[in-house]
Amino acid sequence: MANAIDTARLSQVHFKKQVQEWKNILLRGNDKNLFDNHLKAFNEEDRKVNECLASLSQMTSGAQMSVPQIAAAIKVHEALGHQYRGALKKYKQPDLKRAVLVDKSVRGIDRALTDEIDAMVEVIKNLAEKRLKETELMAKTQMEAYKVLSFFILFLMIAGVFFSIYNVRSIIKDLPPQENKSINKTDALER
């Protein structure tokens, strides 16, 4: 569960980095080298977000957790990638006015995915807490059952010892006095 929460948060971090790289493309993209570097970083963060979300989907389905926000986040992220790349086609490197227009065309589109990922993290966190409480309750119940069973077994053992002592005494008591004395003499010799 902790891995799922960490992976969800990691997807959040990579998405924020991806958005930052988008902004870097627009702000610094008039330099060809910077444009290429930031575009490469943008694509790399895009890949990492996809990997995190896919991994998260596998983790949660493997843990039999229902988190529909993951599938929604994957779809929204894919659509955002298309929107960003479509807007980038309108970008002309030396023209800063075009950068402003391109920015306006995609301004705020990242908020839906940010909200989706936030909701996803919250759902996973809540499911993890619920499972932890269930596990703790089960462990506590089992511990109580083991305690009761232990006390019962201890009671049976003590009762068995007392029953054995009682039986031995009743057998010895029922023996004729001579045999009883010879047993006592034998006991005395052994000591």
Foldseek 3Di string as FASTA:
>chain_A
DVVLLVLLVVLLVLLVQLVVLLVQCLPVVLDVVSNVVSVVSNVVSLVSNLVSLVVSVVVCVVVVHDQVLSVVLNVLSVVLVVLSVVLVVQDDRNDSVSSVVSCVSCPPSCVVSSVSSVVSSVSVVVVVVVVVVVVVVVVVVVVVVVVVVVVVVVVVVVVVVVVVVVVVVVVLVPDPPVVNVVVVVVVVVVD
